[in-house]
Amino acid sequence: MTVEEKKERNRKYGAICARAKAMGIMQGDAISAIMDIESADRKFNLRLDDFLGADTSNFAHDFIRIQGNIVRGNFPATDFGDFVPRFAGRSE
């Protein structure tokens, strides 16, 4: 991944968390939420554009379940229990 691609992914993590905060569904602080989304992206190769553009119900489902199922022992976290996000991508 290039530096520009990483910057773009980080921008999308921030946008996802900003939307969740505006919806009142974000738990904890913004940095922790961004780390949760980045961990989920590393684990599930999230389709970030689809996640950002999702309707309220599907967006809330994935965001709330990511924060509710993540085991934060390490960063990036790799344990999300049995949860797989709706916006999970294909393995590369």
Protein backbone atom coordinates (compact mmCIF):
# COMPACT_ATOMS: atom_id res chain seq x y z
CA MET A 1 0.00 0.00 0.00
CA THR A 2 1.37 3.38 -0.97
CA VAL A 3 1.55 6.36 1.39
CA GLU A 4 -1.28 8.02 -0.54
CA GLU A 5 -3.48 4.93 -0.30
CA LYS A 6 -2.85 4.78 3.46
CA LYS A 7 -3.75 8.48 3.83
CA GLU A 8 -6.98 7.90 1.89
CA ARG A 9 -7.91 4.89 4.04
CA ASN A 10 -7.21 6.94 7.19
CA ARG A 11 -9.44 9.74 5.86
CA LYS A 12 -12.24 7.21 5.34
CA TYR A 13 -11.79 5.80 8.87
CA GLY A 14 -12.22 9.35 10.18
CA ALA A 15 -15.29 9.93 8.00
CA ILE A 16 -16.89 6.68 9.21
CA CYS A 17 -16.28 7.65 12.83
CA ALA A 18 -17.57 11.20 12.26
CA ARG A 19 -20.78 9.78 10.80
CA ALA A 20 -21.15 7.38 13.74
CA LYS A 21 -20.59 10.22 16.21
CA ALA A 22 -23.20 12.38 14.44
CA MET A 23 -25.63 9.43 14.66
CA GLY A 24 -24.91 9.05 18.37
CA ILE A 25 -23.71 5.44 18.06
CA MET A 26 -19.99 5.84 18.71
CA GLN A 27 -18.74 4.37 21.99
CA GLY A 28 -15.72 5.97 23.64
CA ASP A 29 -13.42 8.51 22.07
CA ALA A 30 -12.66 9.13 18.41
CA ILE A 31 -9.13 7.70 18.51
CA SER A 32 -10.37 4.38 19.91
CA ALA A 33 -13.16 4.25 17.32
CA ILE A 34 -10.70 4.92 14.49
CA MET A 35 -8.46 2.15 15.82
CA ASP A 36 -11.46 -0.19 15.93
CA ILE A 37 -12.34 0.58 12.29
CA GLU A 38 -8.72 0.23 11.18
CA SER A 39 -8.47 -3.12 12.97
CA ALA A 40 -11.68 -4.30 11.30
CA ASP A 41 -10.37 -3.11 7.93
CA ARG A 42 -7.10 -4.99 8.37
CA LYS A 43 -8.99 -8.13 9.39
CA PHE A 44 -11.89 -8.00 6.92
CA ASN A 45 -10.61 -5.79 4.05
CA LEU A 46 -13.64 -3.51 4.49
CA ARG A 47 -15.31 -1.98 1.47
CA LEU A 48 -14.93 1.50 2.96
CA ASP A 49 -16.76 3.40 0.21
CA ASP A 50 -19.77 1.09 0.49
CA PHE A 51 -19.65 1.38 4.29
CA LEU A 52 -19.56 5.19 4.11
CA GLY A 53 -22.39 5.30 1.57
CA ALA A 54 -24.61 2.78 3.32
CA ASP A 55 -28.12 3.50 4.49
CA THR A 56 -28.50 4.26 8.20
CA SER A 57 -29.51 0.76 9.22
CA ASN A 58 -26.67 -1.10 7.50
CA PHE A 59 -24.10 1.51 8.54
CA ALA A 60 -25.22 1.35 12.18
CA HIS A 61 -25.26 -2.46 12.12
CA ASP A 62 -21.62 -2.76 11.13
CA PHE A 63 -20.32 0.13 13.23
CA ILE A 64 -22.09 -0.94 16.42
CA ARG A 65 -21.20 -4.61 15.96
CA ILE A 66 -17.53 -3.83 15.22
CA GLN A 67 -17.29 -1.85 18.46
CA GLY A 68 -19.32 -4.43 20.37
CA ASN A 69 -17.41 -7.52 19.25
CA ILE A 70 -13.79 -6.35 19.04
CA VAL A 71 -11.36 -7.71 21.62
CA ARG A 72 -8.93 -4.84 22.17
CA GLY A 73 -5.95 -6.68 23.70
CA ASN A 74 -3.58 -5.59 20.93
CA PHE A 75 -3.48 -3.24 17.97
CA PRO A 76 -4.47 -4.09 15.40
CA ALA A 77 -7.11 -6.23 17.03
CA THR A 78 -7.82 -9.47 15.21
CA ASP A 79 -10.54 -11.03 17.36
CA PHE A 80 -14.12 -10.05 16.54
CA GLY A 81 -15.70 -13.26 17.78
CA ASP A 82 -18.04 -14.75 15.19
CA PHE A 83 -18.97 -11.34 13.76
CA VAL A 84 -18.26 -10.62 10.09
CA PRO A 85 -19.23 -7.12 8.88
CA ARG A 86 -21.72 -6.71 6.06
CA PHE A 87 -19.10 -4.57 4.33
CA ALA A 88 -16.34 -7.15 4.56
CA GLY A 89 -14.41 -7.45 1.32
CA ARG A 90 -12.72 -10.37 -0.28
CA SER A 91 -9.41 -11.67 0.95
CA GLU A 92 -6.48 -10.61 -1.15
